[in-house]
Amino acid sequence: MFCECCASPSTGEELDSIHKAQHLTVLHDADDPKYWQDATYTITLPNDVSTVIPALDMSDPSCIIIQEISGALREWNADVDNAQAQIYDRLLEVNGEPCSSTMLRHKMEEAGCDQLTFTLQRPEQRQVILPKSDRLGIDISFRKGVSVRPWIMGVRGGAMGQWNLEKPRFNVHAHDRILSVSGVSGGPLEIVDKLRRSEDSLMITFLHYADDVQS
């Protein structure tokens, strides 16, 4: 199902046009037990809506990511040699609390809060090949003109569900972002159109975030 959201989720359509997958292959993974520990870092920014919010993609309110290096993030990167913020990094915590859009607004409105300390997480890039299938099995959402990449709302069987059963260590789940589909890496509309229209096998590149993302 594809859900193109404006102010709130709207109707979508089922993706049923791909034949059943027989074999699924990982092309890339970070096979390292310390991956997620090493992929987190901390930055501190001024509590200034005008220099922080424009750099963020908050269209998935439970998994906020960086959409551009601008404003306070650009200044942070210019001042430090390590812990450089990058596009697609996720805001894991803000001032010690899980960073949802609601919590971020709350922290920014707190009296006397002059700085925001974020724990950020770098995603793992995963490439998955799905041969033709009668059902892809993922629900996808995005906000037109807002989302830098569409995200996974859930996996409901199909080829992707089979992938998760066969490769639990390298699964795809809710809040992961789709970076490209079979070479198409444009905006959400282009990516969703490629998924909808494909009549061949699919090579999908996901940005996978750790399993502790709050739904």
Protein backbone atom coordinates (compact mmCIF):
# COMPACT_ATOMS: atom_id res chain seq x y z
CA MET A 1 0.00 0.00 0.00
CA PHE A 2 1.21 3.49 -0.81
CA CYS A 3 0.14 6.33 1.42
CA GLU A 4 0.82 9.85 0.17
CA CYS A 5 0.29 12.09 3.18
CA CYS A 6 -0.38 15.82 3.13
CA ALA A 7 -1.58 16.83 6.57
CA SER A 8 -2.46 13.28 7.56
CA PRO A 9 -2.31 9.80 5.96
CA SER A 10 -4.72 9.39 3.04
CA THR A 11 -5.76 6.56 0.77
CA GLY A 12 -3.28 4.34 -1.02
CA GLU A 13 -3.25 1.41 -3.37
CA GLU A 14 -2.07 -2.18 -3.04
CA LEU A 15 1.08 -3.21 -4.86
CA ASP A 16 0.10 -6.64 -6.19
CA SER A 17 1.71 -6.81 -9.62
CA ILE A 18 4.95 -8.66 -8.89
CA HIS A 19 5.21 -12.47 -9.04
CA LYS A 20 6.16 -14.56 -5.97
CA ALA A 21 9.86 -14.37 -5.02
CA GLN A 22 11.87 -17.61 -4.89
CA HIS A 23 15.31 -16.46 -3.68
CA LEU A 24 16.34 -13.28 -1.89
CA THR A 25 19.89 -11.96 -1.72
CA VAL A 26 21.67 -9.41 0.49
CA LEU A 27 24.07 -7.33 -1.56
CA HIS A 28 25.34 -5.18 1.30
CA ASP A 29 25.22 -5.26 5.07
CA ALA A 30 27.18 -4.09 8.08
CA ASP A 31 27.92 -7.47 9.66
CA ASP A 32 29.42 -6.08 12.86
CA PRO A 33 28.03 -6.67 16.39
CA LYS A 34 29.19 -3.18 17.38
CA TYR A 35 27.64 -1.49 14.34
CA TRP A 36 24.84 0.38 16.11
CA GLN A 37 27.02 1.39 19.05
CA ASP A 38 29.62 2.84 16.70
CA ALA A 39 26.95 4.45 14.53
CA THR A 40 25.73 6.82 17.27
CA TYR A 41 27.23 10.18 18.22
CA THR A 42 26.23 13.34 20.08
CA ILE A 43 25.94 16.94 18.98
CA THR A 44 24.79 20.11 20.76
CA LEU A 45 22.90 22.87 18.93
CA PRO A 46 21.37 26.16 20.01
CA ASN A 47 17.66 25.96 20.76
CA ASP A 48 16.60 28.00 17.76
CA VAL A 49 13.63 26.82 15.70
CA SER A 50 14.69 28.84 12.66
CA THR A 51 18.13 27.19 12.40
CA VAL A 52 17.25 23.62 13.45
CA ILE A 53 13.81 22.65 12.11
CA PRO A 54 14.40 23.47 8.39
CA ALA A 55 17.23 20.91 8.30
CA LEU A 56 14.97 18.08 9.49
CA ASP A 57 12.53 15.71 7.80
CA MET A 58 9.83 15.25 10.46
CA SER A 59 7.25 13.64 8.18
CA ASP A 60 7.66 10.35 10.05
CA PRO A 61 7.07 11.74 13.56
CA SER A 62 8.59 8.69 15.27
CA CYS A 63 11.79 8.71 13.22
CA ILE A 64 13.08 12.22 12.50
CA ILE A 65 16.03 12.38 10.10
CA ILE A 66 18.33 15.06 8.72
CA GLN A 67 17.28 16.17 5.25
CA GLU A 68 19.95 18.83 4.66
CA ILE A 69 23.05 20.22 6.32
CA SER A 70 22.03 23.80 6.91
CA GLY A 71 21.67 26.36 9.70
CA ALA A 72 22.87 25.12 13.09
CA LEU A 73 23.97 21.76 11.63
CA ARG A 74 26.21 23.45 9.08
CA GLU A 75 27.78 25.56 11.84
CA TRP A 76 28.31 22.45 14.00
CA ASN A 77 30.05 20.61 11.17
CA ALA A 78 32.29 23.63 10.53
CA ASP A 79 33.39 23.72 14.17
CA VAL A 80 34.18 20.03 14.80
CA ASP A 81 36.50 17.52 13.16
CA ASN A 82 34.62 14.39 14.26
CA ALA A 83 30.92 13.70 14.92
CA GLN A 84 29.99 15.28 11.59
CA ALA A 85 26.24 15.27 11.00
CA GLN A 86 25.15 13.73 7.69
CA ILE A 87 21.99 13.64 5.63
CA TYR A 88 19.68 10.73 6.63
CA ASP A 89 21.12 10.46 10.17
CA ARG A 90 18.31 9.92 12.69
CA LEU A 91 17.65 11.99 15.80
CA LEU A 92 17.60 9.22 18.38
CA GLU A 93 17.39 11.35 21.55
CA VAL A 94 16.98 15.00 22.47
CA ASN A 95 18.21 16.09 25.91
CA GLY A 96 18.12 12.49 27.09
CA GLU A 97 14.60 11.65 25.87
CA PRO A 98 13.51 9.60 22.82
CA CYS A 99 13.24 12.11 19.98
CA SER A 100 9.78 12.13 18.42
CA SER A 101 8.31 15.24 16.82
CA THR A 102 6.18 15.78 19.94
CA MET A 103 9.17 15.50 22.29
CA LEU A 104 11.29 17.79 20.13
CA ARG A 105 8.62 20.50 20.20
CA HIS A 106 8.28 20.04 23.97
CA LYS A 107 12.02 20.43 24.55
CA MET A 108 12.23 23.48 22.30
CA GLU A 109 9.42 25.15 24.24
CA GLU A 110 10.87 24.40 27.70
CA ALA A 111 11.63 27.51 29.72
CA GLY A 112 15.36 28.05 30.17
CA CYS A 113 16.34 25.47 27.53
CA ASP A 114 19.05 27.25 25.55
CA GLN A 115 20.69 24.20 24.00
CA LEU A 116 19.56 20.91 22.49
CA THR A 117 21.81 17.88 22.85
CA PHE A 118 20.99 15.23 20.27
CA THR A 119 22.11 11.64 20.07
CA LEU A 120 22.20 10.83 16.36
CA GLN A 121 22.31 7.47 14.63
CA ARG A 122 23.78 6.73 11.22
CA PRO A 123 21.63 4.27 9.24
CA GLU A 124 22.89 1.05 7.72
CA GLN A 125 22.47 0.81 3.96
CA ARG A 126 20.90 -2.48 2.88
CA GLN A 127 20.36 -3.65 -0.67
CA VAL A 128 17.79 -6.36 -1.30
CA ILE A 129 16.95 -8.12 -4.56
CA LEU A 130 13.36 -9.31 -4.86
CA PRO A 131 12.61 -11.42 -7.94
CA LYS A 132 9.17 -11.13 -9.50
CA SER A 133 6.40 -11.62 -6.96
CA ASP A 134 2.64 -11.41 -6.89
CA ARG A 135 2.87 -9.22 -3.79
CA LEU A 136 5.66 -7.02 -2.45
CA GLY A 137 4.18 -6.89 1.06
CA ILE A 138 5.19 -3.44 2.31
CA ASP A 139 3.13 -0.38 3.25
CA ILE A 140 4.83 2.86 2.24
CA SER A 141 4.14 6.42 3.32
CA PHE A 142 5.45 9.89 2.52
CA ARG A 143 4.37 13.52 2.64
CA LYS A 144 4.43 15.19 -0.75
CA GLY A 145 6.88 18.07 -0.82
CA VAL A 146 8.08 17.26 2.71
CA SER A 147 9.59 13.76 2.85
CA VAL A 148 13.11 13.45 1.50
CA ARG A 149 12.54 9.70 1.02
CA PRO A 150 9.47 7.47 1.56
CA TRP A 151 9.44 5.27 4.65
CA ILE A 152 8.13 1.82 5.50
CA MET A 153 4.97 1.79 7.60
CA GLY A 154 4.97 -1.98 7.94
CA VAL A 155 5.72 -5.34 6.32
CA ARG A 156 2.71 -7.57 5.58
CA GLY A 157 3.91 -10.85 4.17
CA GLY A 158 4.69 -11.05 0.47
CA ALA A 159 8.23 -10.99 -0.88
CA MET A 160 9.49 -8.63 1.81
CA GLY A 161 7.93 -10.72 4.56
CA GLN A 162 9.69 -13.78 3.13
CA TRP A 163 12.95 -11.83 3.11
CA ASN A 164 12.53 -10.97 6.80
CA LEU A 165 11.85 -14.62 7.64
CA GLU A 166 14.92 -15.84 5.76
CA LYS A 167 17.27 -13.02 6.78
CA PRO A 168 16.21 -11.85 10.27
CA ARG A 169 19.61 -10.31 10.95
CA PHE A 170 19.24 -8.07 7.90
CA ASN A 171 15.52 -7.41 8.00
CA VAL A 172 13.56 -4.40 6.79
CA HIS A 173 10.98 -2.91 9.11
CA ALA A 174 8.83 0.10 9.94
CA HIS A 175 10.54 3.52 9.69
CA ASP A 176 13.27 2.35 7.29
CA ARG A 177 13.61 4.71 4.33
CA ILE A 178 13.75 3.70 0.66
CA LEU A 179 16.80 5.28 -0.95
CA SER A 180 16.42 3.85 -4.46
CA VAL A 181 14.62 1.22 -6.50
CA SER A 182 16.43 -0.46 -9.42
CA GLY A 183 18.55 2.62 -10.07
CA VAL A 184 15.78 5.19 -9.54
CA SER A 185 16.79 7.47 -6.67
CA GLY A 186 14.66 10.57 -7.11
CA GLY A 187 12.02 11.88 -4.75
CA PRO A 188 9.24 9.82 -3.15
CA LEU A 189 6.94 10.10 -6.19
CA GLU A 190 9.58 8.68 -8.54
CA ILE A 191 10.47 5.87 -6.15
CA VAL A 192 6.86 4.86 -5.54
CA ASP A 193 6.12 5.02 -9.27
CA LYS A 194 9.03 2.65 -9.96
CA LEU A 195 7.72 0.20 -7.35
CA ARG A 196 4.21 0.40 -8.77
CA ARG A 197 5.15 -0.03 -12.42
CA SER A 198 8.00 -2.53 -12.26
CA GLU A 199 7.39 -5.75 -14.18
CA ASP A 200 10.78 -7.24 -13.39
CA SER A 201 12.85 -8.07 -10.33
CA LEU A 202 13.54 -5.22 -7.94
CA MET A 203 16.78 -4.09 -6.36
CA ILE A 204 15.76 -1.89 -3.42
CA THR A 205 18.23 0.09 -1.33
CA PHE A 206 16.98 0.81 2.17
CA LEU A 207 18.32 2.99 4.94
CA HIS A 208 17.84 0.76 7.97
CA TYR A 209 17.56 2.20 11.47
CA ALA A 210 18.09 0.20 14.65
CA ASP A 211 15.22 -1.87 15.99
CA ASP A 212 14.63 0.44 18.96
CA VAL A 213 12.77 3.06 16.90
CA GLN A 214 9.56 3.76 18.76
CA SER A 215 6.41 3.05 16.71
